[in-house]
Amino acid sequence: THYNYSTLDTIVLGWMLERATGQPVQTYMSTRLWQPLGAQSYGYWMT
């Protein structure tokens, strides 16, 4: 019912992603997005 911009909401989505896929965000992103994208370089996440 109410819009409230919050980084915590996105952090929780990442938590949900890891549980749903059974993989850390960085691993799932690499195999599912970054590699098929044809990226020119590695990426990296702050921890």
ModelCIF file with pLDDT and N, C-alpha, C, O atoms, coordinates in Angstrom:
data_MODEL
#
_entry.id   MODEL 
#
_entity.id                         1 
_entity.type                       polymer 
_entity.pdbx_number_of_molecules   1 
#
_entity_poly.entity_id                      1 
_entity_poly.type                           'polypeptide(L)' 
_entity_poly.nstd_linkage                   no 
_entity_poly.nstd_monomer                   no 
_entity_poly.pdbx_seq_one_letter_code       THYNYSTLDTIVLGWMLERATGQPVQTYMSTRLWQPLGAQSYGYWMT 
_entity_poly.pdbx_seq_one_letter_code_can   THYNYSTLDTIVLGWMLERATGQPVQTYMSTRLWQPLGAQSYGYWMT 
_entity_poly.pdbx_strand_id                 A 
#
loop_
_entity_poly_seq.entity_id 
_entity_poly_seq.num 
_entity_poly_seq.mon_id 
_entity_poly_seq.hetero 
1 1  THR n 
1 2  HIS n 
1 3  TYR n 
1 4  ASN n 
1 5  TYR n 
1 6  SER n 
1 7  THR n 
1 8  LEU n 
1 9  ASP n 
1 10 THR n 
1 11 ILE n 
1 12 VAL n 
1 13 LEU n 
1 14 GLY n 
1 15 TRP n 
1 16 MET n 
1 17 LEU n 
1 18 GLU n 
1 19 ARG n 
1 20 ALA n 
1 21 THR n 
1 22 GLY n 
1 23 GLN n 
1 24 PRO n 
1 25 VAL n 
1 26 GLN n 
1 27 THR n 
1 28 TYR n 
1 29 MET n 
1 30 SER n 
1 31 THR n 
1 32 ARG n 
1 33 LEU n 
1 34 TRP n 
1 35 GLN n 
1 36 PRO n 
1 37 LEU n 
1 38 GLY n 
1 39 ALA n 
1 40 GLN n 
1 41 SER n 
1 42 TYR n 
1 43 GLY n 
1 44 TYR n 
1 45 TRP n 
1 46 MET n 
1 47 THR n 
#
_struct_asym.id          A 
_struct_asym.entity_id   1 
#
loop_
_ma_qa_metric.id 
_ma_qa_metric.mode 
_ma_qa_metric.name 
_ma_qa_metric.software_group_id 
_ma_qa_metric.type 
1 global pLDDT . pLDDT 
2 local  pLDDT . pLDDT 
#
_ma_qa_metric_global.metric_id      1 
_ma_qa_metric_global.metric_value   97.38 
_ma_qa_metric_global.model_id       1 
_ma_qa_metric_global.ordinal_id     1 
#
loop_
_ma_qa_metric_local.label_asym_id 
_ma_qa_metric_local.label_comp_id 
_ma_qa_metric_local.label_seq_id 
_ma_qa_metric_local.metric_id 
_ma_qa_metric_local.metric_value 
_ma_qa_metric_local.model_id 
_ma_qa_metric_local.ordinal_id 
A THR 1  2 94.00 1 1  
A HIS 2  2 93.00 1 2  
A TYR 3  2 93.00 1 3  
A ASN 4  2 94.00 1 4  
A TYR 5  2 95.00 1 5  
A SER 6  2 96.00 1 6  
A THR 7  2 96.00 1 7  
A LEU 8  2 97.00 1 8  
A ASP 9  2 98.00 1 9  
A THR 10 2 98.00 1 10 
A ILE 11 2 98.00 1 11 
A VAL 12 2 98.00 1 12 
A LEU 13 2 98.00 1 13 
A GLY 14 2 98.00 1 14 
A TRP 15 2 98.00 1 15 
A MET 16 2 98.00 1 16 
A LEU 17 2 98.00 1 17 
A GLU 18 2 98.00 1 18 
A ARG 19 2 98.00 1 19 
A ALA 20 2 98.00 1 20 
A THR 21 2 98.00 1 21 
A GLY 22 2 98.00 1 22 
A GLN 23 2 98.00 1 23 
A PRO 24 2 98.00 1 24 
A VAL 25 2 98.00 1 25 
A GLN 26 2 98.00 1 26 
A THR 27 2 98.00 1 27 
A TYR 28 2 98.00 1 28 
A MET 29 2 98.00 1 29 
A SER 30 2 98.00 1 30 
A THR 31 2 98.00 1 31 
A ARG 32 2 98.00 1 32 
A LEU 33 2 98.00 1 33 
A TRP 34 2 98.00 1 34 
A GLN 35 2 98.00 1 35 
A PRO 36 2 97.00 1 36 
A LEU 37 2 98.00 1 37 
A GLY 38 2 98.00 1 38 
A ALA 39 2 98.00 1 39 
A GLN 40 2 98.00 1 40 
A SER 41 2 98.00 1 41 
A TYR 42 2 98.00 1 42 
A GLY 43 2 98.00 1 43 
A TYR 44 2 98.00 1 44 
A TRP 45 2 98.00 1 45 
A MET 46 2 97.00 1 46 
A THR 47 2 97.00 1 47 
#
loop_
_atom_site.group_PDB 
_atom_site.id 
_atom_site.type_symbol 
_atom_site.label_atom_id 
_atom_site.label_alt_id 
_atom_site.label_comp_id 
_atom_site.label_asym_id 
_atom_site.label_entity_id 
_atom_site.label_seq_id 
_atom_site.pdbx_PDB_ins_code 
_atom_site.Cartn_x 
_atom_site.Cartn_y 
_atom_site.Cartn_z 
_atom_site.occupancy 
_atom_site.B_iso_or_equiv 
_atom_site.pdbx_formal_charge 
_atom_site.auth_seq_id 
_atom_site.auth_comp_id 
_atom_site.auth_asym_id 
_atom_site.auth_atom_id 
_atom_site.pdbx_PDB_model_num 
ATOM 1   N N  . THR A 1 1  ? 0.798  -1.229  0.000   1.00 94.00 ? 1  THR A N  1 
ATOM 2   C CA . THR A 1 1  ? 0.000  0.000   0.000   1.00 94.00 ? 1  THR A CA 1 
ATOM 3   C C  . THR A 1 1  ? 0.829  1.276   0.000   1.00 94.00 ? 1  THR A C  1 
ATOM 4   O O  . THR A 1 1  ? 0.295  2.347   -0.288  1.00 94.00 ? 1  THR A O  1 
ATOM 5   N N  . HIS A 1 2  ? 2.124  1.192   0.316   1.00 93.00 ? 2  HIS A N  1 
ATOM 6   C CA . HIS A 1 2  ? 2.905  2.416   0.504   1.00 93.00 ? 2  HIS A CA 1 
ATOM 7   C C  . HIS A 1 2  ? 4.304  2.224   -0.071  1.00 93.00 ? 2  HIS A C  1 
ATOM 8   O O  . HIS A 1 2  ? 4.991  1.254   0.251   1.00 93.00 ? 2  HIS A O  1 
ATOM 9   N N  . TYR A 1 3  ? 4.723  3.170   -0.935  1.00 93.00 ? 3  TYR A N  1 
ATOM 10  C CA . TYR A 1 3  ? 6.075  3.122   -1.500  1.00 93.00 ? 3  TYR A CA 1 
ATOM 11  C C  . TYR A 1 3  ? 7.075  3.694   -0.510  1.00 93.00 ? 3  TYR A C  1 
ATOM 12  O O  . TYR A 1 3  ? 6.880  4.790   0.016   1.00 93.00 ? 3  TYR A O  1 
ATOM 13  N N  . ASN A 1 4  ? 8.146  2.952   -0.257  1.00 94.00 ? 4  ASN A N  1 
ATOM 14  C CA . ASN A 1 4  ? 9.222  3.419   0.613   1.00 94.00 ? 4  ASN A CA 1 
ATOM 15  C C  . ASN A 1 4  ? 10.525 2.820   0.120   1.00 94.00 ? 4  ASN A C  1 
ATOM 16  O O  . ASN A 1 4  ? 10.773 1.625   0.282   1.00 94.00 ? 4  ASN A O  1 
ATOM 17  N N  . TYR A 1 5  ? 11.364 3.667   -0.489  1.00 95.00 ? 5  TYR A N  1 
ATOM 18  C CA . TYR A 1 5  ? 12.623 3.193   -1.052  1.00 95.00 ? 5  TYR A CA 1 
ATOM 19  C C  . TYR A 1 5  ? 13.528 2.687   0.061   1.00 95.00 ? 5  TYR A C  1 
ATOM 20  O O  . TYR A 1 5  ? 13.804 3.416   1.014   1.00 95.00 ? 5  TYR A O  1 
ATOM 21  N N  . SER A 1 6  ? 13.992 1.451   -0.048  1.00 96.00 ? 6  SER A N  1 
ATOM 22  C CA . SER A 1 6  ? 14.777 0.840   1.017   1.00 96.00 ? 6  SER A CA 1 
ATOM 23  C C  . SER A 1 6  ? 15.751 -0.184  0.450   1.00 96.00 ? 6  SER A C  1 
ATOM 24  O O  . SER A 1 6  ? 15.343 -1.156  -0.185  1.00 96.00 ? 6  SER A O  1 
ATOM 25  N N  . THR A 1 7  ? 17.024 0.038   0.679   1.00 96.00 ? 7  THR A N  1 
ATOM 26  C CA . THR A 1 7  ? 18.029 -0.933  0.268   1.00 96.00 ? 7  THR A CA 1 
ATOM 27  C C  . THR A 1 7  ? 17.818 -2.265  0.971   1.00 96.00 ? 7  THR A C  1 
ATOM 28  O O  . THR A 1 7  ? 18.136 -3.317  0.416   1.00 96.00 ? 7  THR A O  1 
ATOM 29  N N  . LEU A 1 8  ? 17.289 -2.230  2.176   1.00 97.00 ? 8  LEU A N  1 
ATOM 30  C CA . LEU A 1 8  ? 17.045 -3.470  2.903   1.00 97.00 ? 8  LEU A CA 1 
ATOM 31  C C  . LEU A 1 8  ? 16.093 -4.378  2.131   1.00 97.00 ? 8  LEU A C  1 
ATOM 32  O O  . LEU A 1 8  ? 16.278 -5.595  2.132   1.00 97.00 ? 8  LEU A O  1 
ATOM 33  N N  . ASP A 1 9  ? 15.079 -3.817  1.473   1.00 98.00 ? 9  ASP A N  1 
ATOM 34  C CA . ASP A 1 9  ? 14.173 -4.636  0.658   1.00 98.00 ? 9  ASP A CA 1 
ATOM 35  C C  . ASP A 1 9  ? 14.957 -5.426  -0.392  1.00 98.00 ? 9  ASP A C  1 
ATOM 36  O O  . ASP A 1 9  ? 14.692 -6.608  -0.615  1.00 98.00 ? 9  ASP A O  1 
ATOM 37  N N  . THR A 1 10 ? 15.913 -4.769  -1.026  1.00 98.00 ? 10 THR A N  1 
ATOM 38  C CA . THR A 1 10 ? 16.693 -5.444  -2.059  1.00 98.00 ? 10 THR A CA 1 
ATOM 39  C C  . THR A 1 10 ? 17.628 -6.489  -1.447  1.00 98.00 ? 10 THR A C  1 
ATOM 40  O O  . THR A 1 10 ? 17.840 -7.551  -2.032  1.00 98.00 ? 10 THR A O  1 
ATOM 41  N N  . ILE A 1 11 ? 18.182 -6.194  -0.283  1.00 98.00 ? 11 ILE A N  1 
ATOM 42  C CA . ILE A 1 11 ? 19.018 -7.166  0.415   1.00 98.00 ? 11 ILE A CA 1 
ATOM 43  C C  . ILE A 1 11 ? 18.210 -8.426  0.716   1.00 98.00 ? 11 ILE A C  1 
ATOM 44  O O  . ILE A 1 11 ? 18.714 -9.539  0.566   1.00 98.00 ? 11 ILE A O  1 
ATOM 45  N N  . VAL A 1 12 ? 16.969 -8.257  1.136   1.00 98.00 ? 12 VAL A N  1 
ATOM 46  C CA . VAL A 1 12 ? 16.103 -9.402  1.424   1.00 98.00 ? 12 VAL A CA 1 
ATOM 47  C C  . VAL A 1 12 ? 15.809 -10.186 0.135   1.00 98.00 ? 12 VAL A C  1 
ATOM 48  O O  . VAL A 1 12 ? 15.730 -11.415 0.165   1.00 98.00 ? 12 VAL A O  1 
ATOM 49  N N  . LEU A 1 13 ? 15.649 -9.487  -0.985  1.00 98.00 ? 13 LEU A N  1 
ATOM 50  C CA . LEU A 1 13 ? 15.477 -10.184 -2.257  1.00 98.00 ? 13 LEU A CA 1 
ATOM 51  C C  . LEU A 1 13 ? 16.703 -11.040 -2.582  1.00 98.00 ? 13 LEU A C  1 
ATOM 52  O O  . LEU A 1 13 ? 16.566 -12.143 -3.112  1.00 98.00 ? 13 LEU A O  1 
ATOM 53  N N  . GLY A 1 14 ? 17.902 -10.536 -2.266  1.00 98.00 ? 14 GLY A N  1 
ATOM 54  C CA . GLY A 1 14 ? 19.108 -11.321 -2.474  1.00 98.00 ? 14 GLY A CA 1 
ATOM 55  C C  . GLY A 1 14 ? 19.136 -12.553 -1.591  1.00 98.00 ? 14 GLY A C  1 
ATOM 56  O O  . GLY A 1 14 ? 19.541 -13.630 -2.028  1.00 98.00 ? 14 GLY A O  1 
ATOM 57  N N  . TRP A 1 15 ? 18.708 -12.395 -0.352  1.00 98.00 ? 15 TRP A N  1 
ATOM 58  C CA . TRP A 1 15 ? 18.596 -13.527 0.573   1.00 98.00 ? 15 TRP A CA 1 
ATOM 59  C C  . TRP A 1 15 ? 17.645 -14.578 0.003   1.00 98.00 ? 15 TRP A C  1 
ATOM 60  O O  . TRP A 1 15 ? 17.947 -15.771 0.001   1.00 98.00 ? 15 TRP A O  1 
ATOM 61  N N  . MET A 1 16 ? 16.495 -14.115 -0.478  1.00 98.00 ? 16 MET A N  1 
ATOM 62  C CA . MET A 1 16 ? 15.506 -15.004 -1.077  1.00 98.00 ? 16 MET A CA 1 
ATOM 63  C C  . MET A 1 16 ? 16.075 -15.714 -2.306  1.00 98.00 ? 16 MET A C  1 
ATOM 64  O O  . MET A 1 16 ? 15.836 -16.906 -2.501  1.00 98.00 ? 16 MET A O  1 
ATOM 65  N N  . LEU A 1 17 ? 16.831 -14.981 -3.138  1.00 98.00 ? 17 LEU A N  1 
ATOM 66  C CA . LEU A 1 17 ? 17.437 -15.566 -4.337  1.00 98.00 ? 17 LEU A CA 1 
ATOM 67  C C  . LEU A 1 17 ? 18.391 -16.702 -3.980  1.00 98.00 ? 17 LEU A C  1 
ATOM 68  O O  . LEU A 1 17 ? 18.379 -17.759 -4.610  1.00 98.00 ? 17 LEU A O  1 
ATOM 69  N N  . GLU A 1 18 ? 19.213 -16.469 -2.966  1.00 98.00 ? 18 GLU A N  1 
ATOM 70  C CA . GLU A 1 18 ? 20.169 -17.494 -2.569  1.00 98.00 ? 18 GLU A CA 1 
ATOM 71  C C  . GLU A 1 18 ? 19.473 -18.757 -2.088  1.00 98.00 ? 18 GLU A C  1 
ATOM 72  O O  . GLU A 1 18 ? 19.908 -19.865 -2.399  1.00 98.00 ? 18 GLU A O  1 
ATOM 73  N N  . ARG A 1 19 ? 18.396 -18.596 -1.332  1.00 98.00 ? 19 ARG A N  1 
ATOM 74  C CA . ARG A 1 19 ? 17.658 -19.766 -0.858  1.00 98.00 ? 19 ARG A CA 1 
ATOM 75  C C  . ARG A 1 19 ? 16.936 -20.463 -2.002  1.00 98.00 ? 19 ARG A C  1 
ATOM 76  O O  . ARG A 1 19 ? 16.913 -21.692 -2.064  1.00 98.00 ? 19 ARG A O  1 
ATOM 77  N N  . ALA A 1 20 ? 16.344 -19.686 -2.911  1.00 98.00 ? 20 ALA A N  1 
ATOM 78  C CA . ALA A 1 20 ? 15.579 -20.275 -4.015  1.00 98.00 ? 20 ALA A CA 1 
ATOM 79  C C  . ALA A 1 20 ? 16.476 -21.028 -4.989  1.00 98.00 ? 20 ALA A C  1 
ATOM 80  O O  . ALA A 1 20 ? 16.115 -22.107 -5.457  1.00 98.00 ? 20 ALA A O  1 
ATOM 81  N N  . THR A 1 21 ? 17.640 -20.468 -5.296  1.00 98.00 ? 21 THR A N  1 
ATOM 82  C CA . THR A 1 21 ? 18.534 -21.074 -6.289  1.00 98.00 ? 21 THR A CA 1 
ATOM 83  C C  . THR A 1 21 ? 19.525 -22.058 -5.671  1.00 98.00 ? 21 THR A C  1 
ATOM 84  O O  . THR A 1 21 ? 20.103 -22.887 -6.375  1.00 98.00 ? 21 THR A O  1 
ATOM 85  N N  . GLY A 1 22 ? 19.721 -21.963 -4.351  1.00 98.00 ? 22 GLY A N  1 
ATOM 86  C CA . GLY A 1 22 ? 20.706 -22.812 -3.705  1.00 98.00 ? 22 GLY A CA 1 
ATOM 87  C C  . GLY A 1 22 ? 22.137 -22.391 -3.984  1.00 98.00 ? 22 GLY A C  1 
ATOM 88  O O  . GLY A 1 22 ? 23.068 -23.176 -3.804  1.00 98.00 ? 22 GLY A O  1 
ATOM 89  N N  . GLN A 1 23 ? 22.314 -21.138 -4.428  1.00 98.00 ? 23 GLN A N  1 
ATOM 90  C CA . GLN A 1 23 ? 23.638 -20.635 -4.774  1.00 98.00 ? 23 GLN A CA 1 
ATOM 91  C C  . GLN A 1 23 ? 23.825 -19.221 -4.228  1.00 98.00 ? 23 GLN A C  1 
ATOM 92  O O  . GLN A 1 23 ? 22.857 -18.470 -4.111  1.00 98.00 ? 23 GLN A O  1 
ATOM 93  N N  . PRO A 1 24 ? 25.069 -18.852 -3.891  1.00 98.00 ? 24 PRO A N  1 
ATOM 94  C CA . PRO A 1 24 ? 25.319 -17.452 -3.556  1.00 98.00 ? 24 PRO A CA 1 
ATOM 95  C C  . PRO A 1 24 ? 24.993 -16.546 -4.741  1.00 98.00 ? 24 PRO A C  1 
ATOM 96  O O  . PRO A 1 24 ? 25.048 -16.980 -5.892  1.00 98.00 ? 24 PRO A O  1 
ATOM 97  N N  . VAL A 1 25 ? 24.659 -15.311 -4.465  1.00 98.00 ? 25 VAL A N  1 
ATOM 98  C CA . VAL A 1 25 ? 24.297 -14.365 -5.521  1.00 98.00 ? 25 VAL A CA 1 
ATOM 99  C C  . VAL A 1 25 ? 25.372 -14.297 -6.590  1.00 98.00 ? 25 VAL A C  1 
ATOM 100 O O  . VAL A 1 25 ? 25.063 -14.312 -7.781  1.00 98.00 ? 25 VAL A O  1 
ATOM 101 N N  . GLN A 1 26 ? 26.647 -14.223 -6.172  1.00 98.00 ? 26 GLN A N  1 
ATOM 102 C CA . GLN A 1 26 ? 27.728 -14.066 -7.143  1.00 98.00 ? 26 GLN A CA 1 
ATOM 103 C C  . GLN A 1 26 ? 27.872 -15.289 -8.060  1.00 98.00 ? 26 GLN A C  1 
ATOM 104 O O  . GLN A 1 26 ? 28.228 -15.145 -9.230  1.00 98.00 ? 26 GLN A O  1 
ATOM 105 N N  . THR A 1 27 ? 27.601 -16.474 -7.541  1.00 98.00 ? 27 THR A N  1 
ATOM 106 C CA . THR A 1 27 ? 27.701 -17.691 -8.348  1.00 98.00 ? 27 THR A CA 1 
ATOM 107 C C  . THR A 1 27 ? 26.562 -17.769 -9.351  1.00 98.00 ? 27 THR A C  1 
ATOM 108 O O  . THR A 1 27 ? 26.778 -18.044 -10.531 1.00 98.00 ? 27 THR A O  1 
ATOM 109 N N  . TYR A 1 28 ? 25.345 -17.525 -8.871  1.00 98.00 ? 28 TYR A N  1 
ATOM 110 C CA . TYR A 1 28 ? 24.190 -17.571 -9.768  1.00 98.00 ? 28 TYR A CA 1 
ATOM 111 C C  . TYR A 1 28 ? 24.304 -16.500 -10.840 1.00 98.00 ? 28 TYR A C  1 
ATOM 112 O O  . TYR A 1 28 ? 23.984 -16.747 -12.003 1.00 98.00 ? 28 TYR A O  1 
ATOM 113 N N  . MET A 1 29 ? 24.755 -15.316 -10.460 1.00 98.00 ? 29 MET A N  1 
ATOM 114 C CA . MET A 1 29 ? 24.906 -14.239 -11.433 1.00 98.00 ? 29 MET A CA 1 
ATOM 115 C C  . MET A 1 29 ? 25.936 -14.597 -12.501 1.00 98.00 ? 29 MET A C  1 
ATOM 116 O O  . MET A 1 29 ? 25.739 -14.305 -13.681 1.00 98.00 ? 29 MET A O  1 
ATOM 117 N N  . SER A 1 30 ? 27.028 -15.227 -12.090 1.00 98.00 ? 30 SER A N  1 
ATOM 118 C CA . SER A 1 30 ? 28.074 -15.585 -13.043 1.00 98.00 ? 30 SER A CA 1 
ATOM 119 C C  . SER A 1 30 ? 27.562 -16.565 -14.090 1.00 98.00 ? 30 SER A C  1 
ATOM 120 O O  . SER A 1 30 ? 27.734 -16.337 -15.287 1.00 98.00 ? 30 SER A O  1 
ATOM 121 N N  . THR A 1 31 ? 26.936 -17.648 -13.653 1.00 98.00 ? 31 THR A N  1 
ATOM 122 C CA . THR A 1 31 ? 26.514 -18.688 -14.590 1.00 98.00 ? 31 THR A CA 1 
ATOM 123 C C  . THR A 1 31 ? 25.262 -18.313 -15.363 1.00 98.00 ? 31 THR A C  1 
ATOM 124 O O  . THR A 1 31 ? 25.091 -18.718 -16.513 1.00 98.00 ? 31 THR A O  1 
ATOM 125 N N  . ARG A 1 32 ? 24.380 -17.534 -14.728 1.00 98.00 ? 32 ARG A N  1 
ATOM 126 C CA . ARG A 1 32 ? 23.072 -17.278 -15.346 1.00 98.00 ? 32 ARG A CA 1 
ATOM 127 C C  . ARG A 1 32 ? 23.014 -15.977 -16.130 1.00 98.00 ? 32 ARG A C  1 
ATOM 128 O O  . ARG A 1 32 ? 22.200 -15.832 -17.042 1.00 98.00 ? 32 ARG A O  1 
ATOM 129 N N  . LEU A 1 33 ? 23.894 -15.013 -15.769 1.00 98.00 ? 33 LEU A N  1 
ATOM 130 C CA . LEU A 1 33 ? 23.827 -13.701 -16.408 1.00 98.00 ? 33 LEU A CA 1 
ATOM 131 C C  . LEU A 1 33 ? 25.156 -13.278 -17.020 1.00 98.00 ? 33 LEU A C  1 
ATOM 132 O O  . LEU A 1 33 ? 25.209 -12.971 -18.211 1.00 98.00 ? 33 LEU A O  1 
ATOM 133 N N  . TRP A 1 34 ? 26.225 -13.254 -16.236 1.00 98.00 ? 34 TRP A N  1 
ATOM 134 C CA . TRP A 1 34 ? 27.468 -12.637 -16.667 1.00 98.00 ? 34 TRP A CA 1 
ATOM 135 C C  . TRP A 1 34 ? 28.160 -13.423 -17.787 1.00 98.00 ? 34 TRP A C  1 
ATOM 136 O O  . TRP A 1 34 ? 28.672 -12.832 -18.739 1.00 98.00 ? 34 TRP A O  1 
ATOM 137 N N  . GLN A 1 35 ? 28.174 -14.744 -17.672 1.00 98.00 ? 35 GLN A N  1 
ATOM 138 C CA . GLN A 1 35 ? 28.823 -15.552 -18.707 1.00 98.00 ? 35 GLN A CA 1 
ATOM 139 C C  . GLN A 1 35 ? 28.038 -15.549 -20.016 1.00 98.00 ? 35 GLN A C  1 
ATOM 140 O O  . GLN A 1 35 ? 28.627 -15.288 -21.065 1.00 98.00 ? 35 GLN A O  1 
ATOM 141 N N  . PRO A 1 36 ? 26.735 -15.829 -19.999 1.00 97.00 ? 36 PRO A N  1 
ATOM 142 C CA . PRO A 1 36 ? 25.995 -15.753 -21.274 1.00 97.00 ? 36 PRO A CA 1 
ATOM 143 C C  . PRO A 1 36 ? 25.909 -14.346 -21.850 1.00 97.00 ? 36 PRO A C  1 
ATOM 144 O O  . PRO A 1 36 ? 25.717 -14.188 -23.055 1.00 97.00 ? 36 PRO A O  1 
ATOM 145 N N  . LEU A 1 37 ? 26.048 -13.316 -21.007 1.00 98.00 ? 37 LEU A N  1 
ATOM 146 C CA . LEU A 1 37 ? 26.039 -11.935 -21.492 1.00 98.00 ? 37 LEU A CA 1 
ATOM 147 C C  . LEU A 1 37 ? 27.215 -11.658 -22.415 1.00 98.00 ? 37 LEU A C  1 
ATOM 148 O O  . LEU A 1 37 ? 27.137 -10.771 -23.265 1.00 98.00 ? 37 LEU A O  1 
ATOM 149 N N  . GLY A 1 38 ? 28.306 -12.406 -22.258 1.00 98.00 ? 38 GLY A N  1 
ATOM 150 C CA . GLY A 1 38 ? 29.514 -12.132 -23.037 1.00 98.00 ? 38 GLY A CA 1 
ATOM 151 C C  . GLY A 1 38 ? 30.268 -10.948 -22.490 1.00 98.00 ? 38 GLY A C  1 
ATOM 152 O O  . GLY A 1 38 ? 30.796 -10.141 -23.254 1.00 98.00 ? 38 GLY A O  1 
ATOM 153 N N  . ALA A 1 39 ? 30.327 -10.829 -21.159 1.00 98.00 ? 39 ALA A N  1 
ATOM 154 C CA . ALA A 1 39 ? 31.033 -9.716  -20.516 1.00 98.00 ? 39 ALA A CA 1 
ATOM 155 C C  . ALA A 1 39 ? 32.510 -9.731  -20.891 1.00 98.00 ? 39 ALA A C  1 
ATOM 156 O O  . ALA A 1 39 ? 33.098 -10.794 -21.094 1.00 98.00 ? 39 ALA A O  1 
ATOM 157 N N  . GLN A 1 40 ? 33.102 -8.549  -20.981 1.00 98.00 ? 40 GLN A N  1 
ATOM 158 C CA . GLN A 1 40 ? 34.516 -8.442  -21.353 1.00 98.00 ? 40 GLN A CA 1 
ATOM 159 C C  . GLN A 1 40 ? 35.438 -8.668  -20.166 1.00 98.00 ? 40 GLN A C  1 
ATOM 160 O O  . GLN A 1 40 ? 36.612 -8.992  -20.344 1.00 98.00 ? 40 GLN A O  1 
ATOM 161 N N  . SER A 1 41 ? 34.912 -8.500  -18.944 1.00 98.00 ? 41 SER A N  1 
ATOM 162 C CA . SER A 1 41 ? 35.732 -8.628  -17.751 1.00 98.00 ? 41 SER A CA 1 
ATOM 163 C C  . SER A 1 41 ? 34.897 -9.224  -16.628 1.00 98.00 ? 41 SER A C  1 
ATOM 164 O O  . SER A 1 41 ? 33.670 -9.273  -16.709 1.00 98.00 ? 41 SER A O  1 
ATOM 165 N N  . TYR A 1 42 ? 35.572 -9.673  -15.587 1.00 98.00 ? 42 TYR A N  1 
ATOM 166 C CA . TYR A 1 42 ? 34.867 -10.110 -14.389 1.00 98.00 ? 42 TYR A CA 1 
ATOM 167 C C  . TYR A 1 42 ? 34.153 -8.911  -13.779 1.00 98.00 ? 42 TYR A C  1 
ATOM 168 O O  . TYR A 1 42 ? 34.519 -7.765  -14.042 1.00 98.00 ? 42 TYR A O  1 
ATOM 169 N N  . GLY A 1 43 ? 33.151 -9.171  -12.977 1.00 98.00 ? 43 GLY A N  1 
ATOM 170 C CA . GLY A 1 43 ? 32.567 -8.166  -12.107 1.00 98.00 ? 43 GLY A CA 1 
ATOM 171 C C  . GLY A 1 43 ? 32.851 -8.584  -10.677 1.00 98.00 ? 43 GLY A C  1 
ATOM 172 O O  . GLY A 1 43 ? 33.417 -9.651  -10.441 1.00 98.00 ? 43 GLY A O  1 
ATOM 173 N N  . TYR A 1 44 ? 32.463 -7.754  -9.723  1.00 98.00 ? 44 TYR A N  1 
ATOM 174 C CA . TYR A 1 44 ? 32.603 -8.199  -8.333  1.00 98.00 ? 44 TYR A CA 1 
ATOM 175 C C  . TYR A 1 44 ? 31.637 -7.446  -7.429  1.00 98.00 ? 44 TYR A C  1 
ATOM 176 O O  . TYR A 1 44 ? 31.239 -6.313  -7.698  1.00 98.00 ? 44 TYR A O  1 
ATOM 177 N N  . TRP A 1 45 ? 31.278 -8.129  -6.342  1.00 98.00 ? 45 TRP A N  1 
ATOM 178 C CA . TRP A 1 45 ? 30.366 -7.582  -5.338  1.00 98.00 ? 45 TRP A CA 1 
ATOM 179 C C  . TRP A 1 45 ? 31.140 -7.205  -4.078  1.00 98.00 ? 45 TRP A C  1 
ATOM 180 O O  . TRP A 1 45 ? 32.031 -7.942  -3.655  1.00 98.00 ? 45 TRP A O  1 
ATOM 181 N N  . MET A 1 46 ? 30.813 -6.086  -3.487  1.00 97.00 ? 46 MET A N  1 
ATOM 182 C CA . MET A 1 46 ? 31.231 -5.793  -2.121  1.00 97.00 ? 46 MET A CA 1 
ATOM 183 C C  . MET A 1 46 ? 30.562 -6.812  -1.201  1.00 97.00 ? 46 MET A C  1 
ATOM 184 O O  . MET A 1 46 ? 29.465 -7.287  -1.493  1.00 97.00 ? 46 MET A O  1 
ATOM 185 N N  . THR A 1 47 ? 31.218 -7.146  -0.092  1.00 97.00 ? 47 THR A N  1 
ATOM 186 C CA . THR A 1 47 ? 30.634 -8.074  0.868   1.00 97.00 ? 47 THR A CA 1 
ATOM 187 C C  . THR A 1 47 ? 30.471 -7.413  2.228   1.00 97.00 ? 47 THR A C  1 
ATOM 188 O O  . THR A 1 47 ? 29.991 -8.046  3.168   1.00 97.00 ? 47 THR A O  1 
#
